Amino acid sequence: MADFFIGGRWVESLSGRTREIRCPADGSLVAEVAEGNREDTEAAIAAARAAFDNGPWPSTPAAQRGDLLLRAAGLLDRDKDAFARAESLDTGKRLVESEYDMADIAACLRYFGKLAANDAGRVVDTGNPDAFSRIVYEPVGVCGLITPWNYPLLQTVWKIAPALAAGNTFVLKPSELTPHTSILFMRLLAEAGLPDGVANLVLGAGPDAGAPLSEHPDVDLVSFTGGLVTGRIIAATAAATVKKVALELGGKNPNIVFSDADFDTAVDYALTAAFLHSGQVCSAGARLIVQEDWHDQFVDELVRRAELIRLGGPFDADAETGPLISAAHLEKVEGYVAAALAEGAVLRTGGKRPDDERLAGGHYYLPTVLDDVKQGTSPVRDEAFGPVLTVETFTDEDDAIRIGNDTHYGLAGGVFTNDASRAQRVANKLRHGTVWINDYHPYLPQAEWGGFKQSGFGRELGPSGLAEYQEAKHIYQNLRPAPQRWFSGEAR
């Protein structure tokens, strides 16, 4: 089973093992793929090392590297329907969401394709007429890229596009649950003309296929998006060879709503922030922090609309959100809710699997709202990574900022208010890498994307030249906020 792309060739795994990929929406078999081991990954690392040390890619003019990414974007546009279908079968997400993802991915490829040609270094004034000094930017080398299951190809291209633009070679290890768009993308890069050995793909579980990417001395950088526990292990392991490390480790993201915001807009975005892709979004607004005088009416309306959200599979035209990724993850979310209730949270809606027989074959969980959660308890500390929204209240601006920053994560957050000065003050004081004002979830490939505190370090996107020495924050403000109506039967 030749599912591994190593040194410009499709090869079989040395392990001889396979894994069934089943659609989370109904348990149907998508395909059987090879399951790699350490030896497979070491072979891929050797190919990437040889391509970097002896191949043409690192010395290819930057403009030509950019042109290849632009060609890849065009090929993705051509094949977007096949990519979107593969993504939805692996993840269970609605096809329309996968189609949106393909547009974002093509935009990312085009952004870095154009940026590559402009990354030419700079001249430094020495103050000495008899001396000349310049700063040049060189590729890091071999990059180990480990990507998650929730946005498989988007997260992959967020890593691959800048790596290739800078002249690096790489080994990609996608989530073992969602491999198919990575396989398709390797074929696409080869068609675009990428030299042999620059892009390498291995499949398998993290401890077997992924671990060598943080351990091996021939890997110069490891980039990981996923859970905090695994991120800590990767950072510690990479320290032994002093690799560069980029980590994006999720978040427990506050969505702060002041009582001067537009009510309908704030409710609508609170639903989208929490329940898009069944909450399986690292930047999900899973902590609703609403001003006290709005709490009752706001949460009542939120609950009413959450109960109208329609669940279904990727090709169900009436579905508004889909299943969780696996049976194991469904059990994890159930355990999170049970622990929250044991600590005094009040269940307002959801908190169980749906009763609908048509959903019985999938890993579905009802949109859940937990009210009256207390600071310092597990519901507001731990990441559920599912369709679970916790509700807290605040009194004034300072209180909102204090509560919003009361987390060891620092990935993203939202602020809803019609007071423009307050919006900027709060956004400036939140210790989160991205802060949306009167909006939630949009991203721009040219903007910074990364986390403060234990949400990780390194920048996933954006042209930050000082990323290793500064925290970069992206503040995005919607100047004309209005309900988007992702849920409750109205068209977006």
Protein backbone atom coordinates (compact mmCIF):
# COMPACT_ATOMS: atom_id res chain seq x y z
CA MET A 1 0.00 0.00 0.00
CA ALA A 2 2.00 2.95 -1.35
CA ASP A 3 0.64 5.82 0.74
CA PHE A 4 3.99 7.31 1.77
CA PHE A 5 5.68 9.95 -0.38
CA ILE A 6 9.44 9.81 0.22
CA GLY A 7 12.18 11.17 -2.02
CA GLY A 8 9.78 11.92 -4.84
CA ARG A 9 8.31 8.39 -4.97
CA TRP A 10 5.22 6.70 -3.57
CA VAL A 11 6.42 3.84 -1.40
CA GLU A 12 4.97 1.25 0.95
CA SER A 13 5.36 1.43 4.70
CA LEU A 14 8.17 -0.59 6.21
CA SER A 15 5.87 -1.56 9.07
CA GLY A 16 3.40 -3.50 6.97
CA ARG A 17 0.56 -2.21 9.16
CA THR A 18 -2.63 -0.51 8.03
CA ARG A 19 -5.36 1.63 9.57
CA GLU A 20 -9.03 1.93 8.68
CA ILE A 21 -10.30 5.48 8.23
CA ARG A 22 -13.98 5.72 9.03
CA CYS A 23 -16.28 8.72 8.59
CA PRO A 24 -17.25 10.13 12.01
CA ALA A 25 -20.73 10.93 10.73
CA ASP A 26 -21.88 7.36 10.22
CA GLY A 27 -18.98 4.98 10.80
CA SER A 28 -18.71 4.06 7.12
CA LEU A 29 -15.33 2.94 5.80
CA VAL A 30 -13.57 5.71 3.88
CA ALA A 31 -10.40 3.80 3.05
CA GLU A 32 -7.57 1.74 4.46
CA VAL A 33 -4.18 3.45 4.62
CA ALA A 34 -0.67 2.45 5.59
CA GLU A 35 0.39 2.90 9.21
CA GLY A 36 4.01 3.95 9.56
CA ASN A 37 6.68 3.48 12.18
CA ARG A 38 9.98 5.05 13.23
CA GLU A 39 11.90 3.52 10.33
CA ASP A 40 9.49 5.05 7.80
CA THR A 41 9.92 8.50 9.31
CA GLU A 42 13.69 8.16 9.47
CA ALA A 43 13.71 7.29 5.75
CA ALA A 44 11.67 10.41 5.04
CA ILE A 45 14.02 12.53 7.15
CA ALA A 46 17.02 11.17 5.20
CA ALA A 47 15.33 12.10 1.91
CA ALA A 48 14.52 15.60 3.14
CA ARG A 49 18.08 16.03 4.45
CA ALA A 50 19.61 14.98 1.14
CA ALA A 51 17.27 17.27 -0.79
CA PHE A 52 18.22 20.21 1.42
CA ASP A 53 21.95 19.59 1.50
CA ASN A 54 22.42 18.57 -2.14
CA GLY A 55 19.28 19.54 -4.02
CA PRO A 56 18.32 22.66 -5.93
CA TRP A 57 15.42 23.90 -3.82
CA PRO A 58 17.22 25.94 -1.12
CA SER A 59 19.16 27.85 -3.79
CA THR A 60 16.21 28.25 -6.14
CA PRO A 61 15.50 31.97 -6.58
CA ALA A 62 12.80 33.11 -4.18
CA ALA A 63 10.57 34.30 -7.00
CA GLN A 64 10.61 30.83 -8.54
CA ARG A 65 9.74 29.24 -5.22
CA GLY A 66 6.84 31.65 -5.02
CA ASP A 67 5.74 30.76 -8.55
CA LEU A 68 5.49 27.10 -7.54
CA LEU A 69 3.15 28.00 -4.68
CA LEU A 70 1.04 30.05 -7.06
CA ARG A 71 0.83 27.06 -9.42
CA ALA A 72 -0.20 24.89 -6.48
CA ALA A 73 -2.99 27.36 -5.68
CA GLY A 74 -4.26 27.11 -9.24
CA LEU A 75 -4.20 23.31 -9.13
CA LEU A 76 -6.09 23.34 -5.85
CA ASP A 77 -8.73 25.57 -7.43
CA ARG A 78 -9.01 23.00 -10.22
CA ASP A 79 -9.39 20.06 -7.81
CA LYS A 80 -11.19 21.80 -4.96
CA ASP A 81 -14.30 19.62 -5.15
CA ALA A 82 -12.29 16.40 -4.72
CA PHE A 83 -10.29 17.92 -1.87
CA ALA A 84 -13.40 19.19 -0.08
CA ARG A 85 -15.13 15.83 -0.37
CA ALA A 86 -12.07 14.00 1.00
CA GLU A 87 -11.82 16.45 3.89
CA SER A 88 -15.48 16.01 4.81
CA LEU A 89 -15.31 12.22 4.70
CA ASP A 90 -12.31 12.16 7.02
CA THR A 91 -13.55 14.77 9.49
CA GLY A 92 -17.35 14.46 9.23
CA LYS A 93 -17.67 18.23 8.83
CA ARG A 94 -20.25 19.72 6.50
CA LEU A 95 -19.19 19.83 2.88
CA VAL A 96 -19.87 23.57 2.71
CA GLU A 97 -17.36 24.15 5.52
CA SER A 98 -14.74 22.10 3.69
CA GLU A 99 -15.41 24.17 0.58
CA TYR A 100 -14.80 27.37 2.54
CA ASP A 101 -11.56 25.81 3.80
CA MET A 102 -10.35 25.15 0.24
CA ALA A 103 -10.79 28.83 -0.62
CA ASP A 104 -8.81 29.83 2.48
CA ILE A 105 -6.08 27.33 1.64
CA ALA A 106 -5.69 28.65 -1.90
CA ALA A 107 -5.51 32.19 -0.51
CA CYS A 108 -2.76 31.11 1.89
CA LEU A 109 -0.74 29.57 -0.94
CA ARG A 110 -1.09 32.74 -2.99
CA TYR A 111 -0.12 34.96 -0.09
CA PHE A 112 3.14 33.13 0.60
CA GLY A 113 3.75 32.71 -3.12
CA LYS A 114 3.78 36.47 -3.50
CA LEU A 115 5.61 37.09 -0.22
CA ALA A 116 8.52 34.79 -1.18
CA ALA A 117 9.82 37.15 -3.85
CA ASN A 118 9.91 40.09 -1.42
CA ASP A 119 11.96 38.37 1.28
CA ALA A 120 15.33 39.64 0.03
CA GLY A 121 17.02 40.80 3.23
CA ARG A 122 18.23 44.31 3.98
CA VAL A 123 21.30 46.51 4.12
CA VAL A 124 22.49 47.74 7.51
CA ASP A 125 24.12 51.16 7.93
CA THR A 126 27.50 50.50 9.60
CA GLY A 127 28.47 54.16 10.07
CA ASN A 128 31.77 53.23 8.38
CA PRO A 129 32.24 54.21 4.72
CA ASP A 130 34.79 51.42 4.31
CA ALA A 131 32.48 48.64 5.44
CA PHE A 132 29.33 47.02 4.07
CA SER A 133 26.81 45.06 6.12
CA ARG A 134 23.66 43.22 5.10
CA ILE A 135 21.09 40.93 6.65
CA VAL A 136 20.14 37.87 4.59
CA TYR A 137 17.43 35.31 5.30
CA GLU A 138 18.25 31.66 4.81
CA PRO A 139 16.10 28.53 5.14
CA VAL A 140 16.22 26.70 8.45
CA GLY A 141 16.72 23.30 6.82
CA VAL A 142 14.65 20.16 7.31
CA CYS A 143 11.27 20.87 8.94
CA GLY A 144 9.17 18.29 10.75
CA LEU A 145 5.51 19.25 10.40
CA ILE A 146 2.88 17.58 12.60
CA THR A 147 -0.72 18.60 11.93
CA PRO A 148 -4.11 18.02 13.63
CA TRP A 149 -7.37 16.45 12.55
CA ASN A 150 -9.83 19.33 12.87
CA TYR A 151 -8.69 21.39 9.85
CA PRO A 152 -6.36 18.89 8.19
CA LEU A 153 -5.35 20.63 4.97
CA LEU A 154 -5.65 24.20 6.19
CA GLN A 155 -3.31 23.52 9.11
CA THR A 156 -0.98 21.61 6.78
CA VAL A 157 -0.73 24.45 4.29
CA TRP A 158 -0.26 26.99 7.08
CA LYS A 159 3.00 25.11 7.71
CA ILE A 160 3.99 23.97 4.21
CA ALA A 161 3.49 27.28 2.38
CA PRO A 162 5.93 29.39 4.47
CA ALA A 163 8.36 26.47 4.73
CA LEU A 164 8.56 26.13 0.96
CA ALA A 165 8.58 29.87 0.35
CA ALA A 166 11.67 30.13 2.54
CA GLY A 167 13.49 27.28 0.75
CA ASN A 168 13.12 24.48 3.31
CA THR A 169 12.48 20.77 2.83
CA PHE A 170 10.02 18.96 5.07
CA VAL A 171 8.53 15.76 6.41
CA LEU A 172 4.78 15.97 7.01
CA LYS A 173 3.05 13.74 9.57
CA PRO A 174 -0.70 14.49 9.50
CA SER A 175 -3.15 13.21 12.07
CA GLU A 176 -3.63 9.48 11.69
CA LEU A 177 -7.40 10.13 11.69
CA THR A 178 -7.51 12.46 8.67
CA PRO A 179 -4.76 11.62 6.12
CA HIS A 180 -6.45 11.90 2.76
CA THR A 181 -6.09 15.56 1.83
CA SER A 182 -2.39 15.35 2.75
CA ILE A 183 -1.99 12.46 0.30
CA LEU A 184 -3.79 14.45 -2.39
CA PHE A 185 -1.68 17.54 -1.67
CA MET A 186 1.60 15.67 -2.14
CA ARG A 187 0.40 14.65 -5.60
CA LEU A 188 -0.51 18.25 -6.30
CA LEU A 189 2.93 19.57 -5.26
CA ALA A 190 4.63 17.01 -7.47
CA GLU A 191 2.46 18.10 -10.39
CA ALA A 192 3.36 21.72 -9.67
CA GLY A 193 7.04 20.83 -10.20
CA LEU A 194 8.46 20.57 -6.69
CA PRO A 195 11.85 18.77 -6.86
CA ASP A 196 12.13 15.23 -5.49
CA GLY A 197 12.77 14.96 -1.77
CA VAL A 198 11.60 18.46 -0.86
CA ALA A 199 8.16 17.24 0.27
CA ASN A 200 7.87 13.96 2.17
CA LEU A 201 4.80 12.35 3.75
CA VAL A 202 4.50 9.66 6.41
CA LEU A 203 1.32 8.43 8.05
CA GLY A 204 0.73 6.94 11.46
CA ALA A 205 0.31 7.58 15.17
CA GLY A 206 2.39 10.19 16.97
CA PRO A 207 4.47 7.91 19.22
CA ASP A 208 5.55 5.82 16.22
CA ALA A 209 5.63 8.00 13.11
CA GLY A 210 5.73 11.45 14.70
CA ALA A 211 8.23 11.15 17.54
CA PRO A 212 11.38 11.03 15.35
CA LEU A 213 10.58 14.49 14.00
CA SER A 214 11.30 16.03 17.40
CA GLU A 215 14.12 13.64 18.28
CA HIS A 216 16.23 13.22 15.15
CA PRO A 217 19.36 15.41 14.84
CA ASP A 218 18.83 15.85 11.09
CA VAL A 219 15.58 17.74 11.68
CA ASP A 220 16.24 21.46 12.18
CA LEU A 221 12.74 22.65 13.10
CA VAL A 222 9.63 20.93 14.39
CA SER A 223 6.21 22.57 14.09
CA PHE A 224 3.26 21.04 15.93
CA THR A 225 -0.40 21.98 16.23
CA GLY A 226 -2.38 20.00 18.77
CA GLY A 227 -2.84 19.36 22.47
CA LEU A 228 -0.92 20.91 25.35
CA VAL A 229 0.35 17.61 26.79
CA THR A 230 1.83 16.47 23.48
CA GLY A 231 3.24 19.94 22.85
CA ARG A 232 5.13 19.84 26.13
CA ILE A 233 6.62 16.46 25.21
CA ILE A 234 7.70 17.72 21.79
CA ALA A 235 9.30 20.86 23.24
CA ALA A 236 11.21 18.84 25.84
CA THR A 237 12.37 16.28 23.29
CA ALA A 238 13.44 18.89 20.76
CA ALA A 239 15.54 20.61 23.41
CA ALA A 240 18.01 17.71 23.35
CA THR A 241 19.14 18.76 19.86
CA VAL A 242 18.30 22.46 20.33
CA LYS A 243 15.86 22.52 17.41
CA LYS A 244 13.74 25.48 16.54
CA VAL A 245 10.23 24.74 17.76
CA ALA A 246 6.86 26.23 16.78
CA LEU A 247 3.86 25.14 18.84
CA GLU A 248 0.17 26.02 18.61
CA LEU A 249 -1.54 24.26 21.49
CA GLY A 250 -5.15 25.35 21.53
CA GLY A 251 -6.94 27.68 23.88
CA LYS A 252 -9.68 28.35 26.36
CA ASN A 253 -10.88 31.43 24.58
CA PRO A 254 -12.99 34.20 26.16
CA ASN A 255 -15.83 35.83 24.25
CA ILE A 256 -16.61 39.01 26.22
CA VAL A 257 -20.01 40.61 25.66
CA PHE A 258 -20.81 44.06 27.07
CA SER A 259 -24.43 45.08 27.51
CA ASP A 260 -24.04 47.99 25.08
CA ALA A 261 -23.38 45.60 22.15
CA ASP A 262 -25.97 44.87 19.50
CA PHE A 263 -27.97 42.06 21.14
CA ASP A 264 -28.87 39.98 18.06
CA THR A 265 -25.38 40.25 16.61
CA ALA A 266 -23.68 39.25 19.85
CA VAL A 267 -25.96 36.22 20.34
CA ASP A 268 -25.46 35.13 16.76
CA TYR A 269 -21.68 35.31 16.96
CA ALA A 270 -21.63 33.62 20.36
CA LEU A 271 -23.32 30.62 18.77
CA THR A 272 -20.86 30.56 15.86
CA ALA A 273 -17.89 31.05 18.17
CA ALA A 274 -18.84 28.06 20.30
CA PHE A 275 -20.54 25.60 17.95
CA LEU A 276 -18.93 25.93 14.52
CA HIS A 277 -17.53 22.50 13.56
CA SER A 278 -19.05 21.22 16.82
CA GLY A 279 -16.58 23.31 18.81
CA GLN A 280 -13.57 21.43 17.39
CA VAL A 281 -11.73 24.67 16.67
CA CYS A 282 -8.61 25.72 18.57
CA SER A 283 -9.85 29.32 18.66
CA ALA A 284 -13.45 28.46 19.60
CA GLY A 285 -15.14 31.00 21.88
CA ALA A 286 -15.87 28.37 24.50
CA ARG A 287 -16.04 30.86 27.42
CA LEU A 288 -18.94 33.29 27.16
CA ILE A 289 -18.26 36.16 29.58
CA VAL A 290 -21.36 38.36 29.59
CA GLN A 291 -22.07 41.53 31.57
CA GLU A 292 -24.26 40.85 34.61
CA ASP A 293 -27.21 43.02 33.62
CA TRP A 294 -27.54 41.12 30.32
CA HIS A 295 -27.03 37.62 31.63
CA ASP A 296 -30.61 36.37 31.88
CA GLN A 297 -31.98 37.59 28.58
CA PHE A 298 -28.77 36.83 26.69
CA VAL A 299 -28.38 33.26 27.92
CA ASP A 300 -32.10 32.54 27.49
CA GLU A 301 -31.91 33.52 23.82
CA LEU A 302 -28.63 31.68 23.33
CA VAL A 303 -30.13 28.49 24.75
CA ARG A 304 -33.27 28.85 22.63
CA ARG A 305 -31.24 29.06 19.46
CA ALA A 306 -28.74 26.38 20.46
CA GLU A 307 -31.62 23.94 20.77
CA LEU A 308 -32.56 24.64 17.14
CA ILE A 309 -29.15 23.73 15.71
CA ARG A 310 -29.55 20.80 13.31
CA LEU A 311 -26.99 17.99 13.44
CA GLY A 312 -26.07 15.87 10.45
CA GLY A 313 -23.44 14.39 8.20
CA PRO A 314 -21.23 16.16 5.64
CA PHE A 315 -23.64 15.75 2.74
CA ASP A 316 -26.85 16.51 4.63
CA ALA A 317 -28.04 19.79 3.13
CA ASP A 318 -30.08 20.60 6.23
CA ALA A 319 -27.27 20.05 8.74
CA GLU A 320 -25.74 23.04 10.50
CA THR A 321 -22.97 21.24 12.34
CA GLY A 322 -21.60 17.73 12.40
CA PRO A 323 -20.15 14.99 14.59
CA LEU A 324 -17.10 14.80 16.81
CA ILE A 325 -14.04 13.19 15.27
CA SER A 326 -14.09 9.82 17.07
CA ALA A 327 -15.73 7.69 19.72
CA ALA A 328 -12.81 8.37 22.05
CA HIS A 329 -13.21 12.12 21.66
CA LEU A 330 -16.97 11.89 22.23
CA GLU A 331 -16.28 10.11 25.52
CA LYS A 332 -13.76 12.81 26.46
CA VAL A 333 -16.36 15.55 25.92
CA GLU A 334 -18.92 13.59 27.95
CA GLY A 335 -16.40 13.32 30.78
CA TYR A 336 -15.72 17.06 30.64
CA VAL A 337 -19.43 17.87 31.01
CA ALA A 338 -19.88 15.36 33.84
CA ALA A 339 -16.95 16.93 35.72
CA ALA A 340 -18.37 20.42 35.17
CA LEU A 341 -21.74 19.43 36.60
CA ALA A 342 -20.02 17.83 39.59
CA GLU A 343 -18.31 21.18 40.26
CA GLY A 344 -21.60 23.07 40.33
CA ALA A 345 -22.17 24.15 36.73
CA VAL A 346 -25.83 24.41 35.71
CA LEU A 347 -26.85 22.55 32.55
CA ARG A 348 -29.09 24.80 30.45
CA THR A 349 -29.28 22.63 27.35
CA GLY A 350 -27.60 19.64 25.71
CA GLY A 351 -25.25 17.57 27.81
CA LYS A 352 -25.96 14.29 26.02
CA ARG A 353 -25.93 12.44 22.73
CA PRO A 354 -28.92 13.13 20.45
CA ASP A 355 -31.90 10.77 20.48
CA ASP A 356 -32.35 10.98 16.70
CA GLU A 357 -32.00 7.47 15.25
CA ARG A 358 -30.58 8.78 11.97
CA LEU A 359 -27.52 9.99 13.89
CA ALA A 360 -26.99 6.76 15.85
CA GLY A 361 -24.05 5.60 13.74
CA GLY A 362 -22.02 8.77 14.26
CA HIS A 363 -20.18 10.51 17.10
CA TYR A 364 -22.68 13.29 17.77
CA TYR A 365 -23.11 15.43 20.87
CA LEU A 366 -25.78 18.07 21.38
CA PRO A 367 -24.77 21.74 21.60
CA THR A 368 -24.36 22.28 25.32
CA VAL A 369 -24.56 25.39 27.50
CA LEU A 370 -23.20 25.30 31.07
CA ASP A 371 -24.30 28.29 33.13
CA ASP A 372 -23.12 29.68 36.46
CA VAL A 373 -19.60 28.26 36.20
CA LYS A 374 -17.15 29.46 38.80
CA GLN A 375 -13.69 30.85 38.17
CA GLY A 376 -10.94 28.43 38.97
CA THR A 377 -13.05 25.33 38.27
CA SER A 378 -12.31 22.83 35.53
CA PRO A 379 -15.06 24.01 33.11
CA VAL A 380 -13.28 27.36 32.63
CA ARG A 381 -9.73 25.98 32.89
CA ASP A 382 -9.78 22.87 30.71
CA GLU A 383 -10.33 22.67 26.97
CA ALA A 384 -13.34 20.55 26.01
CA PHE A 385 -12.74 20.84 22.24
CA GLY A 386 -16.37 20.05 21.65
CA PRO A 387 -19.77 21.78 21.42
CA VAL A 388 -19.72 23.01 25.02
CA LEU A 389 -20.12 26.66 26.03
CA THR A 390 -19.54 27.87 29.59
CA VAL A 391 -21.11 31.09 30.89
CA GLU A 392 -19.50 33.55 33.32
CA THR A 393 -20.51 37.10 34.26
CA PHE A 394 -18.64 40.33 34.91
CA THR A 395 -19.47 43.72 36.38
CA ASP A 396 -17.31 46.29 34.59
CA GLU A 397 -14.47 46.65 32.09
CA ASP A 398 -11.66 45.86 34.50
CA ASP A 399 -13.53 42.81 35.74
CA ALA A 400 -14.03 41.59 32.16
CA ILE A 401 -10.31 41.89 31.39
CA ARG A 402 -9.34 40.12 34.60
CA ILE A 403 -11.68 37.20 33.93
CA GLY A 404 -10.74 37.03 30.24
CA ASN A 405 -7.06 36.70 31.12
CA ASP A 406 -7.68 34.18 33.91
CA THR A 407 -6.47 31.18 31.91
CA HIS A 408 -3.13 29.53 31.27
CA TYR A 409 -3.97 29.61 27.56
CA GLY A 410 -3.71 32.71 25.39
CA LEU A 411 -4.71 31.92 21.82
CA ALA A 412 -7.75 34.03 20.89
CA GLY A 413 -10.71 35.98 22.20
CA GLY A 414 -13.57 38.24 21.24
CA VAL A 415 -15.00 41.55 22.46
CA PHE A 416 -18.52 42.75 21.65
CA THR A 417 -19.33 46.38 22.41
CA ASN A 418 -20.56 49.49 20.58
CA ASP A 419 -18.08 51.65 22.48
CA ALA A 420 -15.09 51.91 20.11
CA SER A 421 -12.71 53.18 22.77
CA ARG A 422 -13.66 50.41 25.17
CA ALA A 423 -13.20 47.84 22.41
CA GLN A 424 -9.62 48.94 21.82
CA ARG A 425 -8.81 49.19 25.52
CA VAL A 426 -10.03 45.68 26.23
CA ALA A 427 -8.39 44.21 23.12
CA ASN A 428 -5.08 45.79 24.07
CA LYS A 429 -5.18 44.33 27.57
CA LEU A 430 -6.22 40.79 26.70
CA ARG A 431 -3.24 38.42 26.70
CA HIS A 432 -4.32 36.49 23.64
CA GLY A 433 -2.67 36.21 20.24
CA THR A 434 -5.76 37.15 18.22
CA VAL A 435 -8.58 39.38 19.45
CA TRP A 436 -11.68 39.94 17.34
CA ILE A 437 -13.86 42.98 17.94
CA ASN A 438 -17.57 42.57 17.10
CA ASP A 439 -16.67 39.43 15.14
CA TYR A 440 -15.40 35.93 15.74
CA HIS A 441 -13.28 33.43 13.78
CA PRO A 442 -12.05 35.27 10.64
CA TYR A 443 -8.34 34.88 9.92
CA LEU A 444 -6.05 36.53 7.40
CA PRO A 445 -2.93 34.73 6.07
CA GLN A 446 -0.99 37.99 6.16
CA ALA A 447 -1.75 38.54 9.85
CA GLU A 448 0.00 36.97 12.81
CA TRP A 449 -1.41 33.72 14.19
CA GLY A 450 0.01 32.35 17.39
CA GLY A 451 -0.52 32.20 21.11
CA PHE A 452 0.52 33.80 24.36
CA LYS A 453 1.24 31.79 27.51
CA GLN A 454 0.66 28.04 27.14
CA SER A 455 -1.10 28.29 23.81
CA GLY A 456 2.33 27.94 22.26
CA PHE A 457 5.13 29.93 20.74
CA GLY A 458 6.31 30.75 17.24
CA ARG A 459 4.12 32.30 14.57
CA GLU A 460 2.03 30.11 12.29
CA LEU A 461 1.32 32.90 9.80
CA GLY A 462 2.34 36.46 9.06
CA PRO A 463 5.64 38.16 8.18
CA SER A 464 6.84 38.88 11.73
CA GLY A 465 10.61 39.27 11.57
CA LEU A 466 10.93 39.60 15.34
CA ALA A 467 8.70 36.71 16.33
CA GLU A 468 11.30 35.03 18.52
CA TYR A 469 11.70 38.15 20.66
CA GLN A 470 8.23 39.70 20.71
CA GLU A 471 4.66 38.68 21.27
CA ALA A 472 2.63 39.62 18.21
CA LYS A 473 -1.07 40.28 18.59
CA HIS A 474 -3.59 40.54 15.75
CA ILE A 475 -6.58 42.79 16.53
CA TYR A 476 -9.37 42.48 13.98
CA GLN A 477 -12.36 44.82 14.12
CA ASN A 478 -15.60 44.40 12.19
CA LEU A 479 -16.81 47.95 11.52
CA ARG A 480 -20.30 46.87 10.44
CA PRO A 481 -21.26 43.88 12.59
CA ALA A 482 -24.53 42.12 11.82
CA PRO A 483 -25.92 38.63 12.46
CA GLN A 484 -24.38 36.00 10.14
CA ARG A 485 -26.97 33.27 10.81
CA TRP A 486 -24.82 30.17 10.58
CA PHE A 487 -27.43 28.39 12.69
CA SER A 488 -31.17 28.11 13.24
CA GLY A 489 -32.32 27.61 9.69
CA GLU A 490 -31.38 30.91 8.13
CA ALA A 491 -28.95 31.18 5.23
CA ARG A 492 -25.56 32.70 5.86
